[in-house]
Amino acid sequence: MCNFVTNQKMDMKNLTLSTENFSSGKRNYFIDFKRAVNDSQYICITRSELQADGGYKRSSVVVFEEDFHLLISAMSSLFHSAAHLKTTSRSGAKSERLGIADRGIRSWNPELRPREKLIEYGTDALSNAELMALLIGSGRPDVSAVALSENILEAVGGRLDLLASQSHKGLSAFNGIGIAKSSAIIAALELGRRMCAV
């Protein structure tokens, strides 16, 4: 069980803004959101494990503010991939189209493929991830274009306005997205912005 605590206590150098902690057996985990003396923010993830002699062994990882989007992207991708490993036992269209390694779109049933759905039913039948998959054209050998698009959208909370504010560098942080694919996404969103501005 996780407990959320707001902590306004200063440690030796940095201010802890909030803390999340949970335990599992002899292991305790702490996720601290902190502000450094230079006013930058960071997350510190610490594992503390009870040793046979009664002491604790601690190890920590620090992620700085400028890399938060990479952490969120990596976690999103990790959980997305893990969820897809279990889809073979689930029902519904999504589980039909996914195999253990999220096979390529060409292996999906035709009625589930984004391009065929677009032609048959129009744009309203497609999710944002499916529309974006049509823009980028392909994913990676282990991740389809739709799954890759879902990862990107999850990293921005599903908000197209936040997606539109991403740079080439931000989009290229996703494995499988390079300059060509990030350019296609940025160009499409800019066309949408210009259309709304008319």
C-alpha atoms as a PDB file:
ATOM      1  CA  MET A   1       0.000   0.000   0.000  1.00  0.00           C
ATOM      2  CA  CYS A   2       1.319   3.450  -0.943  1.00  0.00           C
ATOM      3  CA  ASN A   3       1.094   6.465   1.308  1.00  0.00           C
ATOM      4  CA  PHE A   4       1.400   9.988  -0.058  1.00  0.00           C
ATOM      5  CA  VAL A   5       2.934  12.519   2.296  1.00  0.00           C
ATOM      6  CA  THR A   6       3.762  16.169   1.690  1.00  0.00           C
ATOM      7  CA  ASN A   7       6.958  17.008   3.489  1.00  0.00           C
ATOM      8  CA  GLN A   8       8.228  20.570   3.969  1.00  0.00           C
ATOM      9  CA  LYS A   9      11.347  19.510   5.862  1.00  0.00           C
ATOM     10  CA  MET A  10      14.768  20.566   4.596  1.00  0.00           C
ATOM     11  CA  ASP A  11      17.505  17.963   4.442  1.00  0.00           C
ATOM     12  CA  MET A  12      21.149  19.073   4.441  1.00  0.00           C
ATOM     13  CA  LYS A  13      21.006  20.653   0.964  1.00  0.00           C
ATOM     14  CA  ASN A  14      17.666  20.108  -0.708  1.00  0.00           C
ATOM     15  CA  LEU A  15      13.971  20.581  -0.010  1.00  0.00           C
ATOM     16  CA  THR A  16      11.793  17.463  -0.176  1.00  0.00           C
ATOM     17  CA  LEU A  17       8.543  18.576  -1.798  1.00  0.00           C
ATOM     18  CA  SER A  18       6.740  15.255  -1.526  1.00  0.00           C
ATOM     19  CA  THR A  19       7.424  11.627  -0.756  1.00  0.00           C
ATOM     20  CA  GLU A  20       5.880   8.326  -1.783  1.00  0.00           C
ATOM     21  CA  ASN A  21       6.890   5.102  -0.044  1.00  0.00           C
ATOM     22  CA  PHE A  22       5.958   1.446   0.027  1.00  0.00           C
ATOM     23  CA  SER A  23       7.343  -1.772   1.479  1.00  0.00           C
ATOM     24  CA  SER A  24       7.674  -5.349   0.354  1.00  0.00           C
ATOM     25  CA  GLY A  25       9.106  -7.786   2.877  1.00  0.00           C
ATOM     26  CA  LYS A  26      12.539  -6.585   3.936  1.00  0.00           C
ATOM     27  CA  ARG A  27      12.635  -3.923   1.228  1.00  0.00           C
ATOM     28  CA  ASN A  28      11.436  -0.337   1.554  1.00  0.00           C
ATOM     29  CA  TYR A  29      11.127   1.982  -1.417  1.00  0.00           C
ATOM     30  CA  PHE A  30      11.073   5.778  -1.333  1.00  0.00           C
ATOM     31  CA  ILE A  31      10.304   8.081  -4.238  1.00  0.00           C
ATOM     32  CA  ASP A  32      11.157  11.658  -3.313  1.00  0.00           C
ATOM     33  CA  PHE A  33      10.359  14.734  -5.377  1.00  0.00           C
ATOM     34  CA  LYS A  34      12.961  17.354  -4.418  1.00  0.00           C
ATOM     35  CA  ARG A  35      14.119  20.852  -5.183  1.00  0.00           C
ATOM     36  CA  ALA A  36      17.876  21.405  -5.274  1.00  0.00           C
ATOM     37  CA  VAL A  37      19.640  24.489  -3.943  1.00  0.00           C
ATOM     38  CA  ASN A  38      19.950  25.805  -7.530  1.00  0.00           C
ATOM     39  CA  ASP A  39      16.098  25.650  -7.777  1.00  0.00           C
ATOM     40  CA  SER A  40      16.054  22.708 -10.226  1.00  0.00           C
ATOM     41  CA  GLN A  41      13.823  19.756  -9.405  1.00  0.00           C
ATOM     42  CA  TYR A  42      14.578  16.063  -9.414  1.00  0.00           C
ATOM     43  CA  ILE A  43      13.255  12.663  -8.390  1.00  0.00           C
ATOM     44  CA  CYS A  44      15.267  10.395  -6.111  1.00  0.00           C
ATOM     45  CA  ILE A  45      14.263   6.712  -6.039  1.00  0.00           C
ATOM     46  CA  THR A  46      15.780   4.831  -3.088  1.00  0.00           C
ATOM     47  CA  ARG A  47      15.659   1.173  -2.090  1.00  0.00           C
ATOM     48  CA  SER A  48      16.485   0.343   1.507  1.00  0.00           C
ATOM     49  CA  GLU A  49      16.907  -3.357   2.337  1.00  0.00           C
ATOM     50  CA  LEU A  50      17.166  -4.859   5.828  1.00  0.00           C
ATOM     51  CA  GLN A  51      20.391  -6.881   6.233  1.00  0.00           C
ATOM     52  CA  ALA A  52      21.047  -9.929   8.439  1.00  0.00           C
ATOM     53  CA  ASP A  53      23.058  -7.791  10.899  1.00  0.00           C
ATOM     54  CA  GLY A  54      20.064  -5.463  11.425  1.00  0.00           C
ATOM     55  CA  GLY A  55      21.489  -2.651   9.317  1.00  0.00           C
ATOM     56  CA  TYR A  56      20.145  -1.355   6.013  1.00  0.00           C
ATOM     57  CA  LYS A  57      21.718  -1.369   2.584  1.00  0.00           C
ATOM     58  CA  ARG A  58      20.606   1.603   0.471  1.00  0.00           C
ATOM     59  CA  SER A  59      20.856   2.340  -3.222  1.00  0.00           C
ATOM     60  CA  SER A  60      19.470   5.343  -5.073  1.00  0.00           C
ATOM     61  CA  VAL A  61      18.813   6.617  -8.570  1.00  0.00           C
ATOM     62  CA  VAL A  62      18.352  10.306  -9.346  1.00  0.00           C
ATOM     63  CA  VAL A  63      16.458  11.638 -12.378  1.00  0.00           C
ATOM     64  CA  PHE A  64      16.790  15.345 -13.081  1.00  0.00           C
ATOM     65  CA  GLU A  65      13.975  17.635 -14.221  1.00  0.00           C
ATOM     66  CA  GLU A  66      15.168  17.887 -17.819  1.00  0.00           C
ATOM     67  CA  ASP A  67      14.911  14.086 -18.112  1.00  0.00           C
ATOM     68  CA  PHE A  68      11.435  13.649 -16.555  1.00  0.00           C
ATOM     69  CA  HIS A  69       9.860  13.209 -19.996  1.00  0.00           C
ATOM     70  CA  LEU A  70      12.345  10.416 -20.757  1.00  0.00           C
ATOM     71  CA  LEU A  71      11.531   8.662 -17.466  1.00  0.00           C
ATOM     72  CA  ILE A  72       7.790   8.932 -18.161  1.00  0.00           C
ATOM     73  CA  SER A  73       8.304   7.690 -21.704  1.00  0.00           C
ATOM     74  CA  ALA A  74      10.411   4.752 -20.555  1.00  0.00           C
ATOM     75  CA  MET A  75       7.937   3.766 -17.821  1.00  0.00           C
ATOM     76  CA  SER A  76       5.018   4.123 -20.217  1.00  0.00           C
ATOM     77  CA  SER A  77       6.766   1.966 -22.804  1.00  0.00           C
ATOM     78  CA  LEU A  78       7.708  -0.620 -20.180  1.00  0.00           C
ATOM     79  CA  PHE A  79       4.168  -0.970 -18.818  1.00  0.00           C
ATOM     80  CA  HIS A  80       2.690  -0.896 -22.311  1.00  0.00           C
ATOM     81  CA  SER A  81       4.976  -3.744 -23.417  1.00  0.00           C
ATOM     82  CA  ALA A  82       4.272  -5.715 -20.243  1.00  0.00           C
ATOM     83  CA  ALA A  83       0.518  -5.316 -20.738  1.00  0.00           C
ATOM     84  CA  HIS A  84       0.804  -6.581 -24.313  1.00  0.00           C
ATOM     85  CA  LEU A  85       2.512  -9.766 -23.159  1.00  0.00           C
ATOM     86  CA  LYS A  86      -0.740 -10.730 -21.414  1.00  0.00           C
ATOM     87  CA  THR A  87      -3.150  -9.769 -24.188  1.00  0.00           C
ATOM     88  CA  THR A  88      -3.364 -13.248 -25.661  1.00  0.00           C
ATOM     89  CA  SER A  89      -5.783 -14.205 -22.870  1.00  0.00           C
ATOM     90  CA  ARG A  90      -7.954 -11.087 -23.182  1.00  0.00           C
ATOM     91  CA  SER A  91     -10.876 -10.539 -25.473  1.00  0.00           C
ATOM     92  CA  GLY A  92     -11.575  -7.612 -27.786  1.00  0.00           C
ATOM     93  CA  ALA A  93     -10.056  -6.062 -30.869  1.00  0.00           C
ATOM     94  CA  LYS A  94      -6.852  -4.961 -29.192  1.00  0.00           C
ATOM     95  CA  SER A  95      -5.993  -8.469 -28.021  1.00  0.00           C
ATOM     96  CA  GLU A  96      -6.732  -9.883 -31.460  1.00  0.00           C
ATOM     97  CA  ARG A  97      -4.250  -7.576 -33.110  1.00  0.00           C
ATOM     98  CA  LEU A  98      -1.432  -8.171 -30.615  1.00  0.00           C
ATOM     99  CA  GLY A  99       0.776 -11.197 -30.292  1.00  0.00           C
ATOM    100  CA  ILE A 100       3.561 -11.926 -27.858  1.00  0.00           C
ATOM    101  CA  ALA A 101       5.990  -9.631 -29.718  1.00  0.00           C
ATOM    102  CA  ASP A 102       3.297  -7.224 -31.011  1.00  0.00           C
ATOM    103  CA  ARG A 103       3.617  -8.431 -34.584  1.00  0.00           C
ATOM    104  CA  GLY A 104       3.608  -5.958 -37.449  1.00  0.00           C
ATOM    105  CA  ILE A 105       0.370  -4.395 -38.650  1.00  0.00           C
ATOM    106  CA  ARG A 106       0.483  -6.459 -41.861  1.00  0.00           C
ATOM    107  CA  SER A 107      -0.117  -9.576 -39.769  1.00  0.00           C
ATOM    108  CA  TRP A 108      -3.310  -8.144 -38.221  1.00  0.00           C
ATOM    109  CA  ASN A 109      -6.768  -8.969 -39.492  1.00  0.00           C
ATOM    110  CA  PRO A 110      -7.591  -6.489 -42.304  1.00  0.00           C
ATOM    111  CA  GLU A 111     -10.511  -4.923 -40.395  1.00  0.00           C
ATOM    112  CA  LEU A 112      -8.111  -3.950 -37.576  1.00  0.00           C
ATOM    113  CA  ARG A 113      -5.463  -2.276 -39.763  1.00  0.00           C
ATOM    114  CA  PRO A 114      -5.559   1.544 -39.561  1.00  0.00           C
ATOM    115  CA  ARG A 115      -5.353   2.178 -43.319  1.00  0.00           C
ATOM    116  CA  GLU A 116      -8.104  -0.300 -44.136  1.00  0.00           C
ATOM    117  CA  LYS A 117     -10.286   1.099 -41.330  1.00  0.00           C
ATOM    118  CA  LEU A 118      -9.760   4.620 -42.657  1.00  0.00           C
ATOM    119  CA  ILE A 119     -10.754   3.628 -46.193  1.00  0.00           C
ATOM    120  CA  GLU A 120     -13.757   1.582 -45.076  1.00  0.00           C
ATOM    121  CA  TYR A 121     -15.139   3.669 -42.193  1.00  0.00           C
ATOM    122  CA  GLY A 122     -13.484   7.110 -42.334  1.00  0.00           C
ATOM    123  CA  THR A 123     -11.366   9.019 -39.836  1.00  0.00           C
ATOM    124  CA  ASP A 124     -13.928   8.852 -37.010  1.00  0.00           C
ATOM    125  CA  ALA A 125     -13.352   5.100 -36.717  1.00  0.00           C
ATOM    126  CA  LEU A 126      -9.666   5.563 -35.853  1.00  0.00           C
ATOM    127  CA  SER A 127      -8.104   6.366 -32.495  1.00  0.00           C
ATOM    128  CA  ASN A 128      -5.495   9.114 -32.193  1.00  0.00           C
ATOM    129  CA  ALA A 129      -2.795   6.424 -32.023  1.00  0.00           C
ATOM    130  CA  GLU A 130      -4.059   4.804 -35.234  1.00  0.00           C
ATOM    131  CA  LEU A 131      -4.109   8.173 -37.029  1.00  0.00           C
ATOM    132  CA  MET A 132      -0.577   8.871 -35.842  1.00  0.00           C
ATOM    133  CA  ALA A 133       0.513   5.393 -36.945  1.00  0.00           C
ATOM    134  CA  LEU A 134      -0.579   6.290 -40.471  1.00  0.00           C
ATOM    135  CA  LEU A 135       1.706   9.329 -40.285  1.00  0.00           C
ATOM    136  CA  ILE A 136       4.807   7.498 -39.074  1.00  0.00           C
ATOM    137  CA  GLY A 137       4.233   4.462 -41.288  1.00  0.00           C
ATOM    138  CA  SER A 138       6.156   1.888 -39.269  1.00  0.00           C
ATOM    139  CA  GLY A 139       7.242   1.057 -35.753  1.00  0.00           C
ATOM    140  CA  ARG A 140      10.145  -1.153 -34.698  1.00  0.00           C
ATOM    141  CA  PRO A 141      10.654  -4.877 -35.243  1.00  0.00           C
ATOM    142  CA  ASP A 142       9.162  -5.581 -31.786  1.00  0.00           C
ATOM    143  CA  VAL A 143       6.607  -2.733 -31.617  1.00  0.00           C
ATOM    144  CA  SER A 144       3.985  -1.808 -34.211  1.00  0.00           C
ATOM    145  CA  ALA A 145       3.433   1.765 -35.390  1.00  0.00           C
ATOM    146  CA  VAL A 146       0.170   1.830 -33.417  1.00  0.00           C
ATOM    147  CA  ALA A 147       1.843   0.668 -30.183  1.00  0.00           C
ATOM    148  CA  LEU A 148       4.676   3.164 -30.676  1.00  0.00           C
ATOM    149  CA  SER A 149       2.109   5.930 -31.224  1.00  0.00           C
ATOM    150  CA  GLU A 150       0.233   4.827 -28.080  1.00  0.00           C
ATOM    151  CA  ASN A 151       3.500   5.085 -26.107  1.00  0.00           C
ATOM    152  CA  ILE A 152       4.088   8.636 -27.328  1.00  0.00           C
ATOM    153  CA  LEU A 153       0.515   9.713 -26.604  1.00  0.00           C
ATOM    154  CA  GLU A 154       0.612   8.144 -23.132  1.00  0.00           C
ATOM    155  CA  ALA A 155       3.788  10.121 -22.382  1.00  0.00           C
ATOM    156  CA  VAL A 156       1.901  13.382 -23.031  1.00  0.00           C
ATOM    157  CA  GLY A 157      -1.190  12.253 -21.141  1.00  0.00           C
ATOM    158  CA  GLY A 158      -3.113  11.788 -24.393  1.00  0.00           C
ATOM    159  CA  ARG A 159      -3.105  15.562 -24.935  1.00  0.00           C
ATOM    160  CA  LEU A 160      -2.607  16.587 -28.557  1.00  0.00           C
ATOM    161  CA  ASP A 161      -1.735  20.142 -27.499  1.00  0.00           C
ATOM    162  CA  LEU A 162       1.234  18.787 -25.517  1.00  0.00           C
ATOM    163  CA  LEU A 163       2.174  16.534 -28.424  1.00  0.00           C
ATOM    164  CA  ALA A 164       2.131  19.596 -30.697  1.00  0.00           C
ATOM    165  CA  SER A 165       4.611  21.356 -28.401  1.00  0.00           C
ATOM    166  CA  GLN A 166       7.176  18.547 -28.714  1.00  0.00           C
ATOM    167  CA  SER A 167      10.409  19.217 -30.580  1.00  0.00           C
ATOM    168  CA  HIS A 168      12.298  16.862 -32.883  1.00  0.00           C
ATOM    169  CA  LYS A 169      14.563  16.087 -29.926  1.00  0.00           C
ATOM    170  CA  GLY A 170      11.643  15.265 -27.631  1.00  0.00           C
ATOM    171  CA  LEU A 171       9.938  12.996 -30.154  1.00  0.00           C
ATOM    172  CA  SER A 172      13.213  11.343 -31.179  1.00  0.00           C
ATOM    173  CA  ALA A 173      13.721  10.274 -27.566  1.00  0.00           C
ATOM    174  CA  PHE A 174      11.255   7.470 -28.364  1.00  0.00           C
ATOM    175  CA  ASN A 175      13.005   4.412 -29.754  1.00  0.00           C
ATOM    176  CA  GLY A 176      11.738   4.046 -33.321  1.00  0.00           C
ATOM    177  CA  ILE A 177      11.164   7.762 -33.960  1.00  0.00           C
ATOM    178  CA  GLY A 178      13.786   9.648 -35.949  1.00  0.00           C
ATOM    179  CA  ILE A 179      13.886  12.938 -37.833  1.00  0.00           C
ATOM    180  CA  ALA A 180      11.616  11.749 -40.681  1.00  0.00           C
ATOM    181  CA  LYS A 181       8.858  10.446 -38.384  1.00  0.00           C
ATOM    182  CA  SER A 182       9.083  13.340 -35.934  1.00  0.00           C
ATOM    183  CA  SER A 183       8.902  15.745 -38.910  1.00  0.00           C
ATOM    184  CA  ALA A 184       5.722  14.036 -40.147  1.00  0.00           C
ATOM    185  CA  ILE A 185       4.094  14.358 -36.700  1.00  0.00           C
ATOM    186  CA  ILE A 186       5.137  18.006 -36.283  1.00  0.00           C
ATOM    187  CA  ALA A 187       3.997  18.898 -39.830  1.00  0.00           C
ATOM    188  CA  ALA A 188       0.581  17.247 -39.401  1.00  0.00           C
ATOM    189  CA  LEU A 189      -0.054  19.009 -36.095  1.00  0.00           C
ATOM    190  CA  GLU A 190       1.039  22.336 -37.588  1.00  0.00           C
ATOM    191  CA  LEU A 191      -1.412  21.863 -40.471  1.00  0.00           C
ATOM    192  CA  GLY A 192      -4.146  21.254 -37.900  1.00  0.00           C
ATOM    193  CA  ARG A 193      -3.122  24.394 -35.991  1.00  0.00           C
ATOM    194  CA  ARG A 194      -3.177  26.482 -39.178  1.00  0.00           C
ATOM    195  CA  MET A 195      -6.578  25.113 -40.142  1.00  0.00           C
ATOM    196  CA  CYS A 196      -7.988  26.136 -36.744  1.00  0.00           C
ATOM    197  CA  ALA A 197      -6.417  29.589 -37.095  1.00  0.00           C
ATOM    198  CA  VAL A 198      -8.280  30.329 -40.375  1.00  0.00           C
END
